[in-house]
Each structure stands twice: as structure tokens, then as C-alpha cells.
Amino acid sequence: MEFKKDLSKLSYEELEKEADLVLTELNKSDISLDMSTKVYEYGKKIAKAMDSTLKQLQKEVTDTVE
């Protein structure tokens, strides 16, 4: 699995695809503990990036409405 360096440049949809890849990787029965830990940490970074993206979009929508 390839870990992208700068998640902040990805769109929300691209982050969703990365999250799906993480889940697929973690569901493999032959994944090592070391790799599963790395994939899990990457998944946490993706979740944080997704949250940040949603907050930014919410702010943009709120600013537009007001």
C-alpha cells in the first residue's frame, strides 16, 4: 500500500478512496502486525484530513449564506 505524503491536497472524494484502501488492507488476513499498525496510523491521518476538509467546506458554506 502506498501512503500519500500530503493529504491536505486531496479532495474529500480522494480521501474517501484512501480510507477504503485502508479498510481493505486492514481486512487482509495475511497483514503483519507492523504493517497493520502503519496502515492504522495512516487511516487516522486520513480521518483527520477528512474532518478538516468538512470543517473548511462548512465554513465556506456558512460564509456564503451569511
N, C-alpha and C. Protein backbone atom coordinates (compact mmCIF):
# COMPACT_ATOMS: atom_id res chain seq x y z
N MET A 1 0.85 -1.18 0.00
CA MET A 1 0.00 0.00 0.00
C MET A 1 0.89 1.24 0.00
N GLU A 2 0.52 2.19 -0.83
CA GLU A 2 1.27 3.44 -0.92
C GLU A 2 0.64 4.47 0.02
N PHE A 3 1.47 5.10 0.84
CA PHE A 3 0.99 6.15 1.74
C PHE A 3 1.27 7.50 1.11
N LYS A 4 0.22 8.26 0.88
CA LYS A 4 0.39 9.60 0.30
C LYS A 4 0.94 10.54 1.36
N LYS A 5 1.86 11.40 0.95
CA LYS A 5 2.54 12.29 1.89
C LYS A 5 1.68 13.48 2.32
N ASP A 6 1.08 14.16 1.36
CA ASP A 6 0.34 15.38 1.68
C ASP A 6 -1.15 15.19 1.44
N LEU A 7 -1.84 14.77 2.48
CA LEU A 7 -3.28 14.51 2.37
C LEU A 7 -4.09 15.78 2.20
N SER A 8 -3.54 16.91 2.61
CA SER A 8 -4.28 18.17 2.54
C SER A 8 -4.56 18.60 1.10
N LYS A 9 -3.83 18.04 0.14
CA LYS A 9 -4.04 18.40 -1.26
C LYS A 9 -5.09 17.53 -1.94
N LEU A 10 -5.59 16.52 -1.23
CA LEU A 10 -6.58 15.62 -1.81
C LEU A 10 -7.99 16.15 -1.57
N SER A 11 -8.86 15.87 -2.52
CA SER A 11 -10.27 16.24 -2.36
C SER A 11 -10.91 15.27 -1.36
N TYR A 12 -12.10 15.61 -0.91
CA TYR A 12 -12.80 14.74 0.02
C TYR A 12 -13.04 13.37 -0.59
N GLU A 13 -13.40 13.35 -1.87
CA GLU A 13 -13.65 12.09 -2.57
C GLU A 13 -12.37 11.24 -2.64
N GLU A 14 -11.24 11.88 -2.89
CA GLU A 14 -9.97 11.15 -2.92
C GLU A 14 -9.62 10.60 -1.54
N LEU A 15 -9.93 11.37 -0.51
CA LEU A 15 -9.69 10.90 0.85
C LEU A 15 -10.57 9.69 1.16
N GLU A 16 -11.81 9.71 0.68
CA GLU A 16 -12.70 8.55 0.87
C GLU A 16 -12.12 7.30 0.22
N LYS A 17 -11.56 7.46 -0.96
CA LYS A 17 -10.94 6.33 -1.65
C LYS A 17 -9.75 5.80 -0.86
N GLU A 18 -8.96 6.70 -0.30
CA GLU A 18 -7.82 6.29 0.52
C GLU A 18 -8.32 5.54 1.76
N ALA A 19 -9.39 6.03 2.36
CA ALA A 19 -9.96 5.36 3.54
C ALA A 19 -10.44 3.95 3.17
N ASP A 20 -11.04 3.81 2.01
CA ASP A 20 -11.48 2.48 1.55
C ASP A 20 -10.29 1.55 1.37
N LEU A 21 -9.19 2.08 0.83
CA LEU A 21 -7.98 1.27 0.67
C LEU A 21 -7.43 0.81 2.02
N VAL A 22 -7.50 1.69 3.01
CA VAL A 22 -7.04 1.35 4.36
C VAL A 22 -7.89 0.21 4.91
N LEU A 23 -9.20 0.31 4.77
CA LEU A 23 -10.08 -0.74 5.28
C LEU A 23 -9.82 -2.07 4.57
N THR A 24 -9.62 -2.01 3.27
CA THR A 24 -9.33 -3.22 2.52
C THR A 24 -8.03 -3.85 3.01
N GLU A 25 -7.02 -3.03 3.20
CA GLU A 25 -5.72 -3.52 3.65
C GLU A 25 -5.82 -4.13 5.05
N LEU A 26 -6.53 -3.47 5.95
CA LEU A 26 -6.66 -3.96 7.32
C LEU A 26 -7.47 -5.25 7.40
N ASN A 27 -8.33 -5.49 6.42
CA ASN A 27 -9.15 -6.71 6.41
C ASN A 27 -8.43 -7.92 5.83
N LYS A 28 -7.22 -7.71 5.32
CA LYS A 28 -6.45 -8.84 4.79
C LYS A 28 -5.99 -9.72 5.94
N SER A 29 -6.09 -11.01 5.76
CA SER A 29 -5.72 -11.93 6.83
C SER A 29 -4.21 -12.12 6.95
N ASP A 30 -3.47 -11.79 5.90
CA ASP A 30 -2.03 -12.02 5.94
C ASP A 30 -1.20 -10.77 6.23
N ILE A 31 -1.83 -9.70 6.70
CA ILE A 31 -1.11 -8.47 7.00
C ILE A 31 -0.35 -8.62 8.32
N SER A 32 0.90 -8.17 8.32
CA SER A 32 1.71 -8.27 9.54
C SER A 32 1.27 -7.23 10.57
N LEU A 33 1.63 -7.46 11.80
CA LEU A 33 1.29 -6.52 12.86
C LEU A 33 1.93 -5.16 12.60
N ASP A 34 3.18 -5.17 12.15
CA ASP A 34 3.88 -3.92 11.86
C ASP A 34 3.16 -3.14 10.76
N MET A 35 2.80 -3.82 9.69
CA MET A 35 2.12 -3.15 8.58
C MET A 35 0.72 -2.70 9.00
N SER A 36 0.02 -3.51 9.76
CA SER A 36 -1.33 -3.11 10.19
C SER A 36 -1.27 -1.86 11.07
N THR A 37 -0.22 -1.75 11.88
CA THR A 37 -0.06 -0.55 12.71
C THR A 37 0.18 0.67 11.84
N LYS A 38 1.03 0.54 10.81
CA LYS A 38 1.30 1.66 9.90
C LYS A 38 0.05 2.06 9.13
N VAL A 39 -0.68 1.07 8.66
CA VAL A 39 -1.91 1.34 7.91
C VAL A 39 -2.94 2.01 8.81
N TYR A 40 -3.05 1.55 10.05
CA TYR A 40 -3.99 2.14 11.01
C TYR A 40 -3.63 3.61 11.27
N GLU A 41 -2.36 3.90 11.47
CA GLU A 41 -1.92 5.28 11.70
C GLU A 41 -2.21 6.15 10.48
N TYR A 42 -2.02 5.60 9.30
CA TYR A 42 -2.34 6.32 8.06
C TYR A 42 -3.84 6.58 8.00
N GLY A 43 -4.63 5.62 8.40
CA GLY A 43 -6.08 5.79 8.44
C GLY A 43 -6.50 6.91 9.38
N LYS A 44 -5.81 7.02 10.51
CA LYS A 44 -6.12 8.11 11.44
C LYS A 44 -5.80 9.47 10.81
N LYS A 45 -4.72 9.54 10.05
CA LYS A 45 -4.37 10.79 9.35
C LYS A 45 -5.42 11.13 8.30
N ILE A 46 -5.91 10.11 7.62
CA ILE A 46 -6.95 10.33 6.61
C ILE A 46 -8.21 10.86 7.27
N ALA A 47 -8.61 10.26 8.38
CA ALA A 47 -9.81 10.70 9.10
C ALA A 47 -9.67 12.16 9.54
N LYS A 48 -8.50 12.52 10.01
CA LYS A 48 -8.25 13.89 10.44
C LYS A 48 -8.33 14.85 9.24
N ALA A 49 -7.78 14.45 8.11
CA ALA A 49 -7.83 15.27 6.90
C ALA A 49 -9.27 15.42 6.41
N MET A 50 -10.04 14.34 6.50
CA MET A 50 -11.45 14.40 6.08
C MET A 50 -12.22 15.36 6.98
N ASP A 51 -11.98 15.29 8.27
CA ASP A 51 -12.65 16.18 9.22
C ASP A 51 -12.29 17.64 8.93
N SER A 52 -11.03 17.88 8.67
CA SER A 52 -10.58 19.23 8.36
C SER A 52 -11.23 19.75 7.08
N THR A 53 -11.30 18.90 6.08
CA THR A 53 -11.93 19.28 4.81
C THR A 53 -13.40 19.61 5.01
N LEU A 54 -14.10 18.79 5.77
CA LEU A 54 -15.52 19.05 6.03
C LEU A 54 -15.72 20.35 6.80
N LYS A 55 -14.88 20.61 7.77
CA LYS A 55 -14.99 21.86 8.53
C LYS A 55 -14.75 23.07 7.63
N GLN A 56 -13.78 22.96 6.73
CA GLN A 56 -13.50 24.06 5.81
C GLN A 56 -14.68 24.28 4.86
N LEU A 57 -15.24 23.20 4.36
CA LEU A 57 -16.41 23.33 3.47
C LEU A 57 -17.60 23.93 4.21
N GLN A 58 -17.79 23.51 5.46
CA GLN A 58 -18.89 24.05 6.27
C GLN A 58 -18.70 25.55 6.47
N LYS A 59 -17.47 25.96 6.73
CA LYS A 59 -17.18 27.38 6.93
C LYS A 59 -17.46 28.16 5.64
N GLU A 60 -17.05 27.61 4.50
CA GLU A 60 -17.29 28.28 3.23
C GLU A 60 -18.78 28.43 2.95
N VAL A 61 -19.55 27.41 3.24
CA VAL A 61 -21.00 27.46 3.02
C VAL A 61 -21.63 28.49 3.96
N THR A 62 -21.22 28.46 5.22
CA THR A 62 -21.76 29.40 6.21
C THR A 62 -21.43 30.83 5.82
N ASP A 63 -20.19 31.06 5.39
CA ASP A 63 -19.78 32.41 4.98
C ASP A 63 -20.56 32.88 3.74
N THR A 64 -20.88 31.97 2.85
CA THR A 64 -21.62 32.32 1.64
C THR A 64 -23.06 32.67 1.96
N VAL A 65 -23.66 31.94 2.90
CA VAL A 65 -25.06 32.15 3.26
C VAL A 65 -25.24 33.46 4.02
N GLU A 66 -24.28 33.79 4.84
CA GLU A 66 -24.42 34.99 5.67
C GLU A 66 -24.17 36.21 4.89
